[in-house]
Amino acid sequence: MSVQTPKQQVDERFGTRSDLVSAILPLIGGDDQTRSKLMGTTNKKLLRLHEVAQDVQRRFGGKGGLIDAMAKLQFDGRAPNPGWREAMERKSIKRLWDMHRQLGG
């Protein structure tokens, strides 16, 4: 039994790379510019991004819920510093996920 390549995984699970990108966009809240960026990304990274975005959606209800969970961990229930939430909104879901794990979440 051989391990599938990322391209084979994309083809099997989504049909085409474009379909995979279309599945990712609603999870991360992307637009046409985001779509263009994602189309230039490797299949392996796209598969990982889809996995992380699905996990964030399932556990936190989306990017906003993940940011709220991070604020609770980082600020122990106190209000976040001014501008903190806006700074977090600019980060990618993947980066936020990594930060959340580092905070012990």
N, C-alpha and C. Protein backbone atom coordinates (compact mmCIF):
# COMPACT_ATOMS: atom_id res chain seq x y z
N MET A 1 0.84 -1.18 0.00
CA MET A 1 0.00 0.00 0.00
C MET A 1 0.88 1.24 0.00
N SER A 2 0.75 2.06 -0.99
CA SER A 2 1.58 3.25 -1.09
C SER A 2 0.83 4.48 -0.58
N VAL A 3 1.59 5.46 -0.17
CA VAL A 3 1.02 6.71 0.33
C VAL A 3 0.70 7.59 -0.88
N GLN A 4 -0.48 8.21 -0.83
CA GLN A 4 -0.88 9.09 -1.93
C GLN A 4 -0.13 10.40 -1.88
N THR A 5 0.15 10.94 -3.04
CA THR A 5 0.75 12.26 -3.14
C THR A 5 -0.33 13.30 -2.82
N PRO A 6 0.07 14.52 -2.49
CA PRO A 6 -0.94 15.56 -2.24
C PRO A 6 -1.87 15.76 -3.45
N LYS A 7 -1.34 15.70 -4.65
CA LYS A 7 -2.18 15.85 -5.85
C LYS A 7 -3.23 14.75 -5.92
N GLN A 8 -2.82 13.53 -5.62
CA GLN A 8 -3.77 12.41 -5.64
C GLN A 8 -4.84 12.60 -4.57
N GLN A 9 -4.45 13.10 -3.42
CA GLN A 9 -5.42 13.36 -2.35
C GLN A 9 -6.42 14.44 -2.76
N VAL A 10 -5.92 15.50 -3.39
CA VAL A 10 -6.80 16.57 -3.87
C VAL A 10 -7.77 16.01 -4.90
N ASP A 11 -7.25 15.25 -5.85
CA ASP A 11 -8.10 14.69 -6.91
C ASP A 11 -9.16 13.77 -6.34
N GLU A 12 -8.79 12.95 -5.36
CA GLU A 12 -9.71 11.99 -4.78
C GLU A 12 -10.78 12.66 -3.91
N ARG A 13 -10.37 13.60 -3.08
CA ARG A 13 -11.30 14.20 -2.13
C ARG A 13 -12.11 15.37 -2.68
N PHE A 14 -11.53 16.14 -3.61
CA PHE A 14 -12.18 17.35 -4.06
C PHE A 14 -12.43 17.40 -5.57
N GLY A 15 -11.77 16.57 -6.33
CA GLY A 15 -11.92 16.58 -7.78
C GLY A 15 -10.85 17.42 -8.45
N THR A 16 -10.84 18.70 -8.15
CA THR A 16 -9.83 19.58 -8.74
C THR A 16 -9.28 20.51 -7.66
N ARG A 17 -8.16 21.12 -7.98
CA ARG A 17 -7.53 22.09 -7.08
C ARG A 17 -8.46 23.28 -6.87
N SER A 18 -9.14 23.70 -7.92
CA SER A 18 -10.08 24.82 -7.84
C SER A 18 -11.23 24.49 -6.88
N ASP A 19 -11.70 23.25 -6.90
CA ASP A 19 -12.76 22.84 -5.97
C ASP A 19 -12.27 22.87 -4.53
N LEU A 20 -11.02 22.49 -4.30
CA LEU A 20 -10.44 22.56 -2.96
C LEU A 20 -10.38 24.01 -2.48
N VAL A 21 -9.91 24.89 -3.33
CA VAL A 21 -9.85 26.31 -2.98
C VAL A 21 -11.25 26.84 -2.70
N SER A 22 -12.22 26.41 -3.50
CA SER A 22 -13.61 26.82 -3.28
C SER A 22 -14.15 26.31 -1.95
N ALA A 23 -13.68 25.16 -1.50
CA ALA A 23 -14.09 24.62 -0.20
C ALA A 23 -13.43 25.38 0.95
N ILE A 24 -12.24 25.90 0.73
CA ILE A 24 -11.50 26.62 1.77
C ILE A 24 -12.04 28.04 1.97
N LEU A 25 -12.37 28.72 0.89
CA LEU A 25 -12.75 30.14 0.96
C LEU A 25 -13.86 30.44 1.95
N PRO A 26 -14.97 29.70 1.98
CA PRO A 26 -16.00 30.05 2.97
C PRO A 26 -15.55 29.81 4.42
N LEU A 27 -14.63 28.90 4.60
CA LEU A 27 -14.14 28.60 5.95
C LEU A 27 -13.23 29.70 6.49
N ILE A 28 -12.50 30.36 5.59
CA ILE A 28 -11.56 31.40 6.04
C ILE A 28 -12.06 32.81 5.74
N GLY A 29 -13.18 32.90 5.04
CA GLY A 29 -13.74 34.22 4.74
C GLY A 29 -12.94 34.98 3.70
N GLY A 30 -12.55 34.30 2.65
CA GLY A 30 -11.72 34.93 1.64
C GLY A 30 -12.50 35.57 0.51
N ASP A 31 -11.79 36.37 -0.29
CA ASP A 31 -12.37 37.02 -1.46
C ASP A 31 -11.61 36.58 -2.71
N ASP A 32 -11.78 37.31 -3.82
CA ASP A 32 -11.12 36.95 -5.07
C ASP A 32 -9.60 37.03 -4.96
N GLN A 33 -9.10 38.00 -4.21
CA GLN A 33 -7.66 38.13 -4.03
C GLN A 33 -7.12 36.93 -3.25
N THR A 34 -7.84 36.51 -2.24
CA THR A 34 -7.45 35.34 -1.46
C THR A 34 -7.47 34.11 -2.34
N ARG A 35 -8.49 33.99 -3.18
CA ARG A 35 -8.60 32.86 -4.10
C ARG A 35 -7.38 32.80 -5.01
N SER A 36 -6.97 33.94 -5.52
CA SER A 36 -5.81 34.01 -6.40
C SER A 36 -4.55 33.54 -5.67
N LYS A 37 -4.39 34.00 -4.43
CA LYS A 37 -3.23 33.58 -3.62
C LYS A 37 -3.25 32.07 -3.40
N LEU A 38 -4.42 31.55 -3.03
CA LEU A 38 -4.52 30.13 -2.75
C LEU A 38 -4.26 29.27 -3.99
N MET A 39 -4.64 29.75 -5.13
CA MET A 39 -4.40 28.98 -6.36
C MET A 39 -2.91 28.84 -6.64
N GLY A 40 -2.09 29.71 -6.09
CA GLY A 40 -0.64 29.63 -6.26
C GLY A 40 0.07 28.86 -5.16
N THR A 41 -0.71 28.29 -4.24
CA THR A 41 -0.15 27.56 -3.11
C THR A 41 -0.05 26.07 -3.45
N THR A 42 0.86 25.37 -2.80
CA THR A 42 1.04 23.95 -3.07
C THR A 42 -0.17 23.15 -2.57
N ASN A 43 -0.38 21.99 -3.18
CA ASN A 43 -1.48 21.11 -2.78
C ASN A 43 -1.36 20.71 -1.32
N LYS A 44 -0.16 20.43 -0.88
CA LYS A 44 0.07 20.01 0.50
C LYS A 44 -0.38 21.10 1.48
N LYS A 45 -0.02 22.34 1.19
CA LYS A 45 -0.41 23.45 2.06
C LYS A 45 -1.91 23.68 2.01
N LEU A 46 -2.50 23.53 0.84
CA LEU A 46 -3.96 23.69 0.72
C LEU A 46 -4.70 22.63 1.53
N LEU A 47 -4.22 21.40 1.47
CA LEU A 47 -4.85 20.33 2.24
C LEU A 47 -4.76 20.61 3.74
N ARG A 48 -3.60 21.08 4.19
CA ARG A 48 -3.41 21.40 5.61
C ARG A 48 -4.29 22.58 6.02
N LEU A 49 -4.38 23.59 5.17
CA LEU A 49 -5.21 24.75 5.47
C LEU A 49 -6.68 24.33 5.58
N HIS A 50 -7.12 23.47 4.69
CA HIS A 50 -8.50 22.98 4.74
C HIS A 50 -8.76 22.22 6.05
N GLU A 51 -7.80 21.39 6.43
CA GLU A 51 -7.93 20.62 7.67
C GLU A 51 -8.03 21.55 8.88
N VAL A 52 -7.15 22.54 8.95
CA VAL A 52 -7.15 23.48 10.08
C VAL A 52 -8.43 24.30 10.08
N ALA A 53 -8.84 24.80 8.92
CA ALA A 53 -10.04 25.64 8.83
C ALA A 53 -11.28 24.85 9.25
N GLN A 54 -11.35 23.59 8.87
CA GLN A 54 -12.49 22.75 9.29
C GLN A 54 -12.48 22.54 10.80
N ASP A 55 -11.31 22.31 11.35
CA ASP A 55 -11.20 22.10 12.80
C ASP A 55 -11.60 23.37 13.56
N VAL A 56 -11.15 24.52 13.09
CA VAL A 56 -11.50 25.80 13.72
C VAL A 56 -13.02 26.01 13.63
N GLN A 57 -13.59 25.72 12.48
CA GLN A 57 -15.04 25.88 12.29
C GLN A 57 -15.81 24.97 13.24
N ARG A 58 -15.37 23.73 13.36
CA ARG A 58 -16.04 22.75 14.22
C ARG A 58 -15.90 23.11 15.71
N ARG A 59 -14.72 23.51 16.14
CA ARG A 59 -14.46 23.76 17.56
C ARG A 59 -14.88 25.15 18.05
N PHE A 60 -14.74 26.16 17.18
CA PHE A 60 -14.95 27.53 17.63
C PHE A 60 -16.03 28.28 16.84
N GLY A 61 -16.53 27.69 15.78
CA GLY A 61 -17.54 28.37 14.97
C GLY A 61 -16.96 29.34 13.96
N GLY A 62 -15.66 29.38 13.84
CA GLY A 62 -15.02 30.25 12.86
C GLY A 62 -13.88 31.06 13.48
N LYS A 63 -13.36 31.97 12.68
CA LYS A 63 -12.21 32.77 13.08
C LYS A 63 -12.53 33.63 14.29
N GLY A 64 -13.71 34.24 14.34
CA GLY A 64 -14.09 35.09 15.46
C GLY A 64 -14.12 34.32 16.78
N GLY A 65 -14.66 33.12 16.74
CA GLY A 65 -14.70 32.29 17.94
C GLY A 65 -13.32 31.89 18.41
N LEU A 66 -12.42 31.63 17.46
CA LEU A 66 -11.04 31.29 17.81
C LEU A 66 -10.35 32.49 18.47
N ILE A 67 -10.59 33.67 17.94
CA ILE A 67 -10.01 34.88 18.52
C ILE A 67 -10.55 35.11 19.93
N ASP A 68 -11.85 34.87 20.13
CA ASP A 68 -12.44 35.00 21.47
C ASP A 68 -11.80 34.02 22.45
N ALA A 69 -11.59 32.77 22.00
CA ALA A 69 -10.96 31.75 22.85
C ALA A 69 -9.53 32.15 23.20
N MET A 70 -8.81 32.73 22.22
CA MET A 70 -7.45 33.18 22.48
C MET A 70 -7.44 34.32 23.51
N ALA A 71 -8.38 35.25 23.38
CA ALA A 71 -8.46 36.38 24.31
C ALA A 71 -8.72 35.88 25.72
N LYS A 72 -9.60 34.89 25.85
CA LYS A 72 -9.90 34.33 27.17
C LYS A 72 -8.66 33.70 27.78
N LEU A 73 -7.88 32.98 26.98
CA LEU A 73 -6.66 32.36 27.48
C LEU A 73 -5.58 33.39 27.81
N GLN A 74 -5.42 34.34 26.92
CA GLN A 74 -4.32 35.29 27.05
C GLN A 74 -4.57 36.35 28.13
N PHE A 75 -5.82 36.78 28.25
CA PHE A 75 -6.10 37.90 29.16
C PHE A 75 -6.89 37.46 30.40
N ASP A 76 -7.05 36.19 30.62
CA ASP A 76 -7.73 35.65 31.82
C ASP A 76 -9.07 36.32 32.10
N GLY A 77 -9.88 36.50 31.07
CA GLY A 77 -11.21 37.06 31.25
C GLY A 77 -11.27 38.58 31.23
N ARG A 78 -10.12 39.25 31.32
CA ARG A 78 -10.09 40.71 31.24
C ARG A 78 -10.24 41.14 29.78
N ALA A 79 -10.52 42.41 29.59
CA ALA A 79 -10.65 42.94 28.23
C ALA A 79 -9.27 42.97 27.56
N PRO A 80 -9.20 42.58 26.29
CA PRO A 80 -7.91 42.63 25.58
C PRO A 80 -7.41 44.07 25.43
N ASN A 81 -6.12 44.20 25.20
CA ASN A 81 -5.52 45.51 24.96
C ASN A 81 -6.19 46.16 23.75
N PRO A 82 -6.24 47.50 23.73
CA PRO A 82 -6.82 48.18 22.57
C PRO A 82 -6.08 47.80 21.28
N GLY A 83 -6.82 47.48 20.27
CA GLY A 83 -6.23 47.13 18.98
C GLY A 83 -5.84 45.67 18.85
N TRP A 84 -5.89 44.92 19.95
CA TRP A 84 -5.47 43.52 19.90
C TRP A 84 -6.35 42.71 18.96
N ARG A 85 -7.66 42.86 19.09
CA ARG A 85 -8.58 42.09 18.26
C ARG A 85 -8.38 42.41 16.78
N GLU A 86 -8.21 43.68 16.45
CA GLU A 86 -8.00 44.08 15.05
C GLU A 86 -6.72 43.46 14.50
N ALA A 87 -5.68 43.42 15.33
CA ALA A 87 -4.42 42.80 14.92
C ALA A 87 -4.61 41.31 14.67
N MET A 88 -5.41 40.66 15.50
CA MET A 88 -5.66 39.22 15.33
C MET A 88 -6.50 38.95 14.09
N GLU A 89 -7.43 39.85 13.78
CA GLU A 89 -8.29 39.69 12.59
C GLU A 89 -7.46 39.69 11.30
N ARG A 90 -6.32 40.39 11.32
CA ARG A 90 -5.48 40.47 10.12
C ARG A 90 -4.65 39.20 9.91
N LYS A 91 -4.55 38.36 10.92
CA LYS A 91 -3.73 37.15 10.81
C LYS A 91 -4.52 36.02 10.15
N SER A 92 -3.80 35.07 9.57
CA SER A 92 -4.45 33.93 8.92
C SER A 92 -4.97 32.96 9.97
N ILE A 93 -5.92 32.15 9.57
CA ILE A 93 -6.47 31.14 10.47
C ILE A 93 -5.38 30.18 10.93
N LYS A 94 -4.50 29.82 10.03
CA LYS A 94 -3.41 28.90 10.36
C LYS A 94 -2.52 29.50 11.45
N ARG A 95 -2.17 30.76 11.30
CA ARG A 95 -1.33 31.43 12.29
C ARG A 95 -2.06 31.55 13.63
N LEU A 96 -3.34 31.90 13.60
CA LEU A 96 -4.12 32.00 14.83
C LEU A 96 -4.22 30.64 15.52
N TRP A 97 -4.39 29.59 14.75
CA TRP A 97 -4.46 28.23 15.29
C TRP A 97 -3.16 27.89 16.02
N ASP A 98 -2.04 28.22 15.40
CA ASP A 98 -0.74 27.97 16.02
C ASP A 98 -0.59 28.78 17.32
N MET A 99 -1.01 30.04 17.29
CA MET A 99 -0.92 30.89 18.47
C MET A 99 -1.81 30.34 19.60
N HIS A 100 -2.99 29.88 19.25
CA HIS A 100 -3.91 29.30 20.23
C HIS A 100 -3.30 28.08 20.90
N ARG A 101 -2.67 27.24 20.12
CA ARG A 101 -2.01 26.05 20.67
C ARG A 101 -0.86 26.46 21.60
N GLN A 102 -0.13 27.51 21.25
CA GLN A 102 0.97 27.97 22.09
C GLN A 102 0.48 28.53 23.42
N LEU A 103 -0.74 29.07 23.41
CA LEU A 103 -1.32 29.60 24.65
C LEU A 103 -1.84 28.50 25.55
N GLY A 104 -1.84 27.28 25.05
CA GLY A 104 -2.27 26.15 25.86
C GLY A 104 -3.69 25.71 25.58
N GLY A 105 -4.24 26.17 24.47
CA GLY A 105 -5.63 25.83 24.12
C GLY A 105 -5.79 24.56 23.38
